[in-house]
PDB file of N, CA and C in Angstrom:
ATOM      1  N   UNK A   1       0.842  -1.174   0.000  1.00  0.00           N
ATOM      2  CA  UNK A   1       0.000   0.000   0.000  1.00  0.00           C
ATOM      3  C   UNK A   1       0.886   1.235   0.000  1.00  0.00           C
ATOM      4  N   UNK A   2       1.296   1.673  -1.142  1.00  0.00           N
ATOM      5  CA  UNK A   2       2.152   2.850  -1.186  1.00  0.00           C
ATOM      6  C   UNK A   2       1.303   4.098  -1.281  1.00  0.00           C
ATOM      7  N   UNK A   3       0.431   4.253  -2.226  1.00  0.00           N
ATOM      8  CA  UNK A   3      -0.562   5.299  -2.391  1.00  0.00           C
ATOM      9  C   UNK A   3      -0.399   6.605  -1.642  1.00  0.00           C
ATOM     10  N   UNK A   4      -1.497   7.107  -1.119  1.00  0.00           N
ATOM     11  CA  UNK A   4      -1.570   8.386  -0.438  1.00  0.00           C
ATOM     12  C   UNK A   4      -0.855   8.327   0.920  1.00  0.00           C
ATOM     13  N   UNK A   5       0.174   9.162   1.114  1.00  0.00           N
ATOM     14  CA  UNK A   5       0.939   9.117   2.371  1.00  0.00           C
ATOM     15  C   UNK A   5       0.108   9.397   3.626  1.00  0.00           C
ATOM     16  N   UNK A   6      -0.873  10.274   3.521  1.00  0.00           N
ATOM     17  CA  UNK A   6      -1.690  10.588   4.696  1.00  0.00           C
ATOM     18  C   UNK A   6      -2.557   9.397   5.097  1.00  0.00           C
ATOM     19  N   UNK A   7      -3.142   8.731   4.106  1.00  0.00           N
ATOM     20  CA  UNK A   7      -3.938   7.530   4.388  1.00  0.00           C
ATOM     21  C   UNK A   7      -3.047   6.416   4.926  1.00  0.00           C
ATOM     22  N   UNK A   8      -1.860   6.297   4.343  1.00  0.00           N
ATOM     23  CA  UNK A   8      -0.920   5.263   4.772  1.00  0.00           C
ATOM     24  C   UNK A   8      -0.505   5.494   6.220  1.00  0.00           C
ATOM     25  N   UNK A   9      -0.300   6.748   6.612  1.00  0.00           N
ATOM     26  CA  UNK A   9       0.103   7.060   7.984  1.00  0.00           C
ATOM     27  C   UNK A   9      -0.959   6.596   8.977  1.00  0.00           C
ATOM     28  N   UNK A  10      -2.216   6.867   8.668  1.00  0.00           N
ATOM     29  CA  UNK A  10      -3.309   6.426   9.542  1.00  0.00           C
ATOM     30  C   UNK A  10      -3.361   4.901   9.589  1.00  0.00           C
ATOM     31  N   UNK A  11      -3.253   4.269   8.427  1.00  0.00           N
ATOM     32  CA  UNK A  11      -3.293   2.803   8.364  1.00  0.00           C
ATOM     33  C   UNK A  11      -2.134   2.180   9.138  1.00  0.00           C
ATOM     34  N   UNK A  12      -0.951   2.758   8.995  1.00  0.00           N
ATOM     35  CA  UNK A  12       0.206   2.262   9.746  1.00  0.00           C
ATOM     36  C   UNK A  12      -0.013   2.410  11.250  1.00  0.00           C
ATOM     37  N   UNK A  13      -0.517   3.557  11.656  1.00  0.00           N
ATOM     38  CA  UNK A  13      -0.779   3.785  13.078  1.00  0.00           C
ATOM     39  C   UNK A  13      -1.777   2.798  13.634  1.00  0.00           C
ATOM     40  N   UNK A  14      -2.848   2.564  12.901  1.00  0.00           N
ATOM     41  CA  UNK A  14      -3.862   1.601  13.342  1.00  0.00           C
ATOM     42  C   UNK A  14      -3.291   0.192  13.398  1.00  0.00           C
ATOM     43  N   UNK A  15      -2.473  -0.162  12.403  1.00  0.00           N
ATOM     44  CA  UNK A  15      -1.860  -1.490  12.355  1.00  0.00           C
ATOM     45  C   UNK A  15      -0.938  -1.695  13.559  1.00  0.00           C
ATOM     46  N   UNK A  16      -0.080  -0.724  13.821  1.00  0.00           N
ATOM     47  CA  UNK A  16       0.856  -0.835  14.944  1.00  0.00           C
ATOM     48  C   UNK A  16       0.100  -0.917  16.260  1.00  0.00           C
ATOM     49  N   UNK A  17      -0.933  -0.093  16.419  1.00  0.00           N
ATOM     50  CA  UNK A  17      -1.710  -0.089  17.661  1.00  0.00           C
ATOM     51  C   UNK A  17      -2.453  -1.405  17.853  1.00  0.00           C
ATOM     52  N   UNK A  18      -3.040  -1.921  16.794  1.00  0.00           N
ATOM     53  CA  UNK A  18      -3.832  -3.146  16.886  1.00  0.00           C
ATOM     54  C   UNK A  18      -2.974  -4.384  17.125  1.00  0.00           C
ATOM     55  N   UNK A  19      -1.858  -4.472  16.419  1.00  0.00           N
ATOM     56  CA  UNK A  19      -1.019  -5.677  16.470  1.00  0.00           C
ATOM     57  C   UNK A  19       0.163  -5.548  17.425  1.00  0.00           C
ATOM     58  N   UNK A  20       0.336  -4.369  18.046  1.00  0.00           N
ATOM     59  CA  UNK A  20       1.517  -4.116  18.880  1.00  0.00           C
ATOM     60  C   UNK A  20       2.781  -4.387  18.057  1.00  0.00           C
ATOM     61  N   UNK A  21       2.740  -3.978  16.800  1.00  0.00           N
ATOM     62  CA  UNK A  21       3.773  -4.311  15.823  1.00  0.00           C
ATOM     63  C   UNK A  21       5.031  -3.467  15.994  1.00  0.00           C
ATOM     64  N   UNK A  22       6.136  -4.003  15.503  1.00  0.00           N
ATOM     65  CA  UNK A  22       7.387  -3.267  15.437  1.00  0.00           C
ATOM     66  C   UNK A  22       7.408  -2.469  14.143  1.00  0.00           C
ATOM     67  N   UNK A  23       8.322  -1.526  14.050  1.00  0.00           N
ATOM     68  CA  UNK A  23       8.473  -0.741  12.825  1.00  0.00           C
ATOM     69  C   UNK A  23       8.822  -1.672  11.671  1.00  0.00           C
ATOM     70  N   UNK A  24       9.709  -2.610  11.920  1.00  0.00           N
ATOM     71  CA  UNK A  24      10.148  -3.535  10.877  1.00  0.00           C
ATOM     72  C   UNK A  24       8.982  -4.392  10.369  1.00  0.00           C
ATOM     73  N   UNK A  25       8.159  -4.909  11.265  1.00  0.00           N
ATOM     74  CA  UNK A  25       7.046  -5.757  10.827  1.00  0.00           C
ATOM     75  C   UNK A  25       5.968  -4.937  10.118  1.00  0.00           C
ATOM     76  N   UNK A  26       5.762  -3.691  10.555  1.00  0.00           N
ATOM     77  CA  UNK A  26       4.801  -2.819   9.880  1.00  0.00           C
ATOM     78  C   UNK A  26       5.295  -2.481   8.480  1.00  0.00           C
ATOM     79  N   UNK A  27       6.578  -2.210   8.349  1.00  0.00           N
ATOM     80  CA  UNK A  27       7.148  -1.893   7.044  1.00  0.00           C
ATOM     81  C   UNK A  27       6.985  -3.075   6.089  1.00  0.00           C
ATOM     82  N   UNK A  28       7.234  -4.262   6.588  1.00  0.00           N
ATOM     83  CA  UNK A  28       7.101  -5.459   5.760  1.00  0.00           C
ATOM     84  C   UNK A  28       5.639  -5.669   5.347  1.00  0.00           C
ATOM     85  N   UNK A  29       4.717  -5.491   6.274  1.00  0.00           N
ATOM     86  CA  UNK A  29       3.295  -5.698   5.992  1.00  0.00           C
ATOM     87  C   UNK A  29       2.769  -4.701   4.958  1.00  0.00           C
ATOM     88  N   UNK A  30       3.298  -3.476   4.954  1.00  0.00           N
ATOM     89  CA  UNK A  30       2.816  -2.436   4.047  1.00  0.00           C
ATOM     90  C   UNK A  30       3.671  -2.294   2.792  1.00  0.00           C
ATOM     91  N   UNK A  31       4.765  -3.036   2.723  1.00  0.00           N
ATOM     92  CA  UNK A  31       5.617  -2.977   1.536  1.00  0.00           C
ATOM     93  C   UNK A  31       6.359  -1.658   1.389  1.00  0.00           C
ATOM     94  N   UNK A  32       6.753  -1.073   2.515  1.00  0.00           N
ATOM     95  CA  UNK A  32       7.510   0.182   2.510  1.00  0.00           C
ATOM     96  C   UNK A  32       8.762  -0.007   3.369  1.00  0.00           C
ATOM     97  N   UNK A  33       9.647   0.982   3.342  1.00  0.00           N
ATOM     98  CA  UNK A  33      10.867   0.891   4.142  1.00  0.00           C
ATOM     99  C   UNK A  33      10.606   1.300   5.593  1.00  0.00           C
ATOM    100  N   UNK A  34      11.543   0.948   6.465  1.00  0.00           N
ATOM    101  CA  UNK A  34      11.446   1.366   7.865  1.00  0.00           C
ATOM    102  C   UNK A  34      11.485   2.885   7.966  1.00  0.00           C
ATOM    103  N   UNK A  35      12.261   3.513   7.109  1.00  0.00           N
ATOM    104  CA  UNK A  35      12.345   4.977   7.106  1.00  0.00           C
ATOM    105  C   UNK A  35      10.997   5.601   6.786  1.00  0.00           C
ATOM    106  N   UNK A  36      10.276   4.997   5.857  1.00  0.00           N
ATOM    107  CA  UNK A  36       8.952   5.504   5.497  1.00  0.00           C
ATOM    108  C   UNK A  36       7.995   5.378   6.672  1.00  0.00           C
ATOM    109  N   UNK A  37       8.059   4.268   7.390  1.00  0.00           N
ATOM    110  CA  UNK A  37       7.200   4.086   8.565  1.00  0.00           C
ATOM    111  C   UNK A  37       7.508   5.178   9.587  1.00  0.00           C
ATOM    112  N   UNK A  38       8.781   5.401   9.860  1.00  0.00           N
ATOM    113  CA  UNK A  38       9.160   6.442  10.816  1.00  0.00           C
ATOM    114  C   UNK A  38       8.658   7.813  10.366  1.00  0.00           C
ATOM    115  N   UNK A  39       8.864   8.134   9.109  1.00  0.00           N
ATOM    116  CA  UNK A  39       8.424   9.430   8.575  1.00  0.00           C
ATOM    117  C   UNK A  39       6.916   9.585   8.701  1.00  0.00           C
ATOM    118  N   UNK A  40       6.182   8.541   8.326  1.00  0.00           N
ATOM    119  CA  UNK A  40       4.721   8.598   8.394  1.00  0.00           C
ATOM    120  C   UNK A  40       4.237   8.773   9.828  1.00  0.00           C
ATOM    121  N   UNK A  41       4.848   8.067  10.749  1.00  0.00           N
ATOM    122  CA  UNK A  41       4.416   8.141  12.149  1.00  0.00           C
ATOM    123  C   UNK A  41       4.831   9.476  12.770  1.00  0.00           C
ATOM    124  N   UNK A  42       6.078   9.839  12.620  1.00  0.00           N
ATOM    125  CA  UNK A  42       6.618  11.024  13.296  1.00  0.00           C
ATOM    126  C   UNK A  42       6.037  12.334  12.773  1.00  0.00           C
ATOM    127  N   UNK A  43       5.799  12.433  11.483  1.00  0.00           N
ATOM    128  CA  UNK A  43       5.341  13.719  10.956  1.00  0.00           C
ATOM    129  C   UNK A  43       3.872  13.693  10.552  1.00  0.00           C
ATOM    130  N   UNK A  44       3.511  12.772   9.714  1.00  0.00           N
ATOM    131  CA  UNK A  44       2.148  12.784   9.173  1.00  0.00           C
ATOM    132  C   UNK A  44       1.102  12.393  10.213  1.00  0.00           C
ATOM    133  N   UNK A  45       1.326  11.282  10.908  1.00  0.00           N
ATOM    134  CA  UNK A  45       0.338  10.822  11.885  1.00  0.00           C
ATOM    135  C   UNK A  45       0.200  11.813  13.036  1.00  0.00           C
ATOM    136  N   UNK A  46       1.315  12.366  13.459  1.00  0.00           N
ATOM    137  CA  UNK A  46       1.288  13.326  14.567  1.00  0.00           C
ATOM    138  C   UNK A  46       0.390  14.514  14.226  1.00  0.00           C
ATOM    139  N   UNK A  47       0.438  14.981  12.997  1.00  0.00           N
ATOM    140  CA  UNK A  47      -0.381  16.120  12.577  1.00  0.00           C
ATOM    141  C   UNK A  47      -1.846  15.727  12.376  1.00  0.00           C
ATOM    142  N   UNK A  48      -2.096  14.496  11.930  1.00  0.00           N
ATOM    143  CA  UNK A  48      -3.444  14.077  11.577  1.00  0.00           C
ATOM    144  C   UNK A  48      -4.261  13.571  12.753  1.00  0.00           C
ATOM    145  N   UNK A  49      -3.637  12.787  13.621  1.00  0.00           N
ATOM    146  CA  UNK A  49      -4.378  12.139  14.695  1.00  0.00           C
ATOM    147  C   UNK A  49      -3.480  12.031  15.925  1.00  0.00           C
ATOM    148  N   UNK A  50      -3.499  13.054  16.758  1.00  0.00           N
ATOM    149  CA  UNK A  50      -2.599  13.120  17.913  1.00  0.00           C
ATOM    150  C   UNK A  50      -2.842  11.986  18.908  1.00  0.00           C
ATOM    151  N   UNK A  51      -4.093  11.572  19.080  1.00  0.00           N
ATOM    152  CA  UNK A  51      -4.391  10.484  20.017  1.00  0.00           C
ATOM    153  C   UNK A  51      -3.786   9.168  19.572  1.00  0.00           C
ATOM    154  N   UNK A  52      -3.970   8.842  18.314  1.00  0.00           N
ATOM    155  CA  UNK A  52      -3.388   7.613  17.762  1.00  0.00           C
ATOM    156  C   UNK A  52      -1.872   7.697  17.782  1.00  0.00           C
ATOM    157  N   UNK A  53      -1.335   8.873  17.486  1.00  0.00           N
ATOM    158  CA  UNK A  53       0.115   9.075  17.523  1.00  0.00           C
ATOM    159  C   UNK A  53       0.672   8.747  18.906  1.00  0.00           C
ATOM    160  N   UNK A  54       0.022   9.233  19.958  1.00  0.00           N
ATOM    161  CA  UNK A  54       0.484   8.969  21.325  1.00  0.00           C
ATOM    162  C   UNK A  54       0.446   7.478  21.643  1.00  0.00           C
ATOM    163  N   UNK A  55      -0.610   6.822  21.223  1.00  0.00           N
ATOM    164  CA  UNK A  55      -0.749   5.377  21.451  1.00  0.00           C
ATOM    165  C   UNK A  55       0.375   4.612  20.741  1.00  0.00           C
ATOM    166  N   UNK A  56       0.628   4.985  19.504  1.00  0.00           N
ATOM    167  CA  UNK A  56       1.677   4.322  18.718  1.00  0.00           C
ATOM    168  C   UNK A  56       3.042   4.589  19.333  1.00  0.00           C
ATOM    169  N   UNK A  57       3.282   5.816  19.794  1.00  0.00           N
ATOM    170  CA  UNK A  57       4.566   6.142  20.408  1.00  0.00           C
ATOM    171  C   UNK A  57       4.844   5.270  21.627  1.00  0.00           C
ATOM    172  N   UNK A  58       3.838   5.023  22.443  1.00  0.00           N
ATOM    173  CA  UNK A  58       4.008   4.154  23.614  1.00  0.00           C
ATOM    174  C   UNK A  58       4.422   2.751  23.192  1.00  0.00           C
ATOM    175  N   UNK A  59       3.791   2.240  22.161  1.00  0.00           N
ATOM    176  CA  UNK A  59       4.108   0.896  21.664  1.00  0.00           C
ATOM    177  C   UNK A  59       5.528   0.856  21.111  1.00  0.00           C
ATOM    178  N   UNK A  60       5.893   1.865  20.331  1.00  0.00           N
ATOM    179  CA  UNK A  60       7.233   1.885  19.733  1.00  0.00           C
ATOM    180  C   UNK A  60       8.312   2.051  20.800  1.00  0.00           C
ATOM    181  N   UNK A  61       8.049   2.826  21.839  1.00  0.00           N
ATOM    182  CA  UNK A  61       9.009   2.967  22.934  1.00  0.00           C
ATOM    183  C   UNK A  61       9.184   1.635  23.673  1.00  0.00           C
ATOM    184  N   UNK A  62       8.080   0.934  23.887  1.00  0.00           N
ATOM    185  CA  UNK A  62       8.143  -0.383  24.535  1.00  0.00           C
ATOM    186  C   UNK A  62       8.958  -1.344  23.669  1.00  0.00           C
ATOM    187  N   UNK A  63       8.693  -1.345  22.370  1.00  0.00           N
ATOM    188  CA  UNK A  63       9.433  -2.212  21.458  1.00  0.00           C
ATOM    189  C   UNK A  63      10.915  -1.876  21.457  1.00  0.00           C
ATOM    190  N   UNK A  64      11.222  -0.600  21.501  1.00  0.00           N
ATOM    191  CA  UNK A  64      12.620  -0.172  21.510  1.00  0.00           C
ATOM    192  C   UNK A  64      13.318  -0.650  22.780  1.00  0.00           C
ATOM    193  N   UNK A  65      12.616  -0.575  23.900  1.00  0.00           N
ATOM    194  CA  UNK A  65      13.196  -1.015  25.172  1.00  0.00           C
ATOM    195  C   UNK A  65      13.416  -2.526  25.205  1.00  0.00           C
ATOM    196  N   UNK A  66      12.616  -3.260  24.453  1.00  0.00           N
ATOM    197  CA  UNK A  66      12.704  -4.727  24.451  1.00  0.00           C
ATOM    198  C   UNK A  66      13.544  -5.289  23.321  1.00  0.00           C
ATOM    199  N   UNK A  67      14.056  -4.463  22.438  1.00  0.00           N
ATOM    200  CA  UNK A  67      14.707  -4.990  21.235  1.00  0.00           C
ATOM    201  C   UNK A  67      15.942  -5.831  21.548  1.00  0.00           C
ATOM    202  N   UNK A  68      16.669  -5.499  22.600  1.00  0.00           N
ATOM    203  CA  UNK A  68      17.845  -6.298  22.934  1.00  0.00           C
ATOM    204  C   UNK A  68      17.439  -7.712  23.369  1.00  0.00           C
ATOM    205  N   UNK A  69      16.268  -7.842  23.964  1.00  0.00           N
ATOM    206  CA  UNK A  69      15.782  -9.161  24.370  1.00  0.00           C
ATOM    207  C   UNK A  69      15.399  -9.997  23.153  1.00  0.00           C
ATOM    208  N   UNK A  70      14.700  -9.365  22.195  1.00  0.00           N
ATOM    209  CA  UNK A  70      14.311 -10.080  20.976  1.00  0.00           C
ATOM    210  C   UNK A  70      15.533 -10.483  20.170  1.00  0.00           C
ATOM    211  N   UNK A  71      16.526  -9.600  20.098  1.00  0.00           N
ATOM    212  CA  UNK A  71      17.752  -9.908  19.359  1.00  0.00           C
ATOM    213  C   UNK A  71      18.509 -11.054  19.995  1.00  0.00           C
ATOM    214  N   UNK A  72      18.585 -11.057  21.320  1.00  0.00           N
ATOM    215  CA  UNK A  72      19.271 -12.139  22.025  1.00  0.00           C
ATOM    216  C   UNK A  72      18.563 -13.465  21.834  1.00  0.00           C
ATOM    217  N   UNK A  73      17.250 -13.449  21.848  1.00  0.00           N
ATOM    218  CA  UNK A  73      16.468 -14.665  21.641  1.00  0.00           C
ATOM    219  C   UNK A  73      16.650 -15.180  20.216  1.00  0.00           C
ATOM    220  N   UNK A  74      16.683 -14.290  19.250  1.00  0.00           N
ATOM    221  CA  UNK A  74      16.881 -14.698  17.861  1.00  0.00           C
ATOM    222  C   UNK A  74      18.246 -15.364  17.681  1.00  0.00           C
ATOM    223  N   UNK A  75      19.267 -14.813  18.320  1.00  0.00           N
ATOM    224  CA  UNK A  75      20.608 -15.396  18.234  1.00  0.00           C
ATOM    225  C   UNK A  75      20.639 -16.765  18.902  1.00  0.00           C
ATOM    226  N   UNK A  76      19.982 -16.873  20.043  1.00  0.00           N
ATOM    227  CA  UNK A  76      19.932 -18.155  20.754  1.00  0.00           C
ATOM    228  C   UNK A  76      19.266 -19.221  19.889  1.00  0.00           C
ATOM    229  N   UNK A  77      18.168 -18.856  19.246  1.00  0.00           N
ATOM    230  CA  UNK A  77      17.453 -19.806  18.383  1.00  0.00           C
ATOM    231  C   UNK A  77      18.299 -20.200  17.175  1.00  0.00           C
ATOM    232  N   UNK A  78      19.044 -19.258  16.630  1.00  0.00           N
ATOM    233  CA  UNK A  78      19.892 -19.536  15.472  1.00  0.00           C
ATOM    234  C   UNK A  78      20.933 -20.606  15.814  1.00  0.00           C
ATOM    235  N   UNK A  79      21.608 -20.444  16.946  1.00  0.00           N
ATOM    236  CA  UNK A  79      22.623 -21.414  17.320  1.00  0.00           C
ATOM    237  C   UNK A  79      22.027 -22.743  17.756  1.00  0.00           C
ATOM    238  N   UNK A  80      20.826 -22.695  18.310  1.00  0.00           N
ATOM    239  CA  UNK A  80      20.126 -23.920  18.674  1.00  0.00           C
ATOM    240  C   UNK A  80      19.816 -24.739  17.420  1.00  0.00           C
ATOM    241  N   UNK A  81      19.378 -24.069  16.347  1.00  0.00           N
ATOM    242  CA  UNK A  81      19.094 -24.760  15.084  1.00  0.00           C
ATOM    243  C   UNK A  81      20.354 -25.346  14.471  1.00  0.00           C
ATOM    244  N   UNK A  82      21.468 -24.690  14.602  1.00  0.00           N
ATOM    245  CA  UNK A  82      22.720 -25.172  14.037  1.00  0.00           C
ATOM    246  C   UNK A  82      23.178 -26.471  14.724  1.00  0.00           C
ATOM    247  N   UNK A  83      22.956 -26.568  16.039  1.00  0.00           N
ATOM    248  CA  UNK A  83      23.353 -27.757  16.772  1.00  0.00           C
ATOM    249  C   UNK A  83      22.465 -28.948  16.468  1.00  0.00           C
ATOM    250  N   UNK A  84      21.132 -28.649  16.297  1.00  0.00           N
ATOM    251  CA  UNK A  84      20.114 -29.664  16.154  1.00  0.00           C
ATOM    252  C   UNK A  84      20.226 -30.452  14.914  1.00  0.00           C
TER     253      UNK A  84
END
């Protein structure tokens, strides 16, 4: 869904809020880059829907705080598969 950036920003915000999604997973689901997701959320969504923007920001901050845990788990699983 590349289309209209303003519509995409709202759709991205709703997707992230509903699925508790990461920027990377939202970018993959919408077929856009991570940079585009950040731009849409930080500038477009903030101007269009401040309430949704705040909700999304909380989710993204939580994801950012947990990213080292997800990365460590991914590495652990990778080496587990290699041994198996």
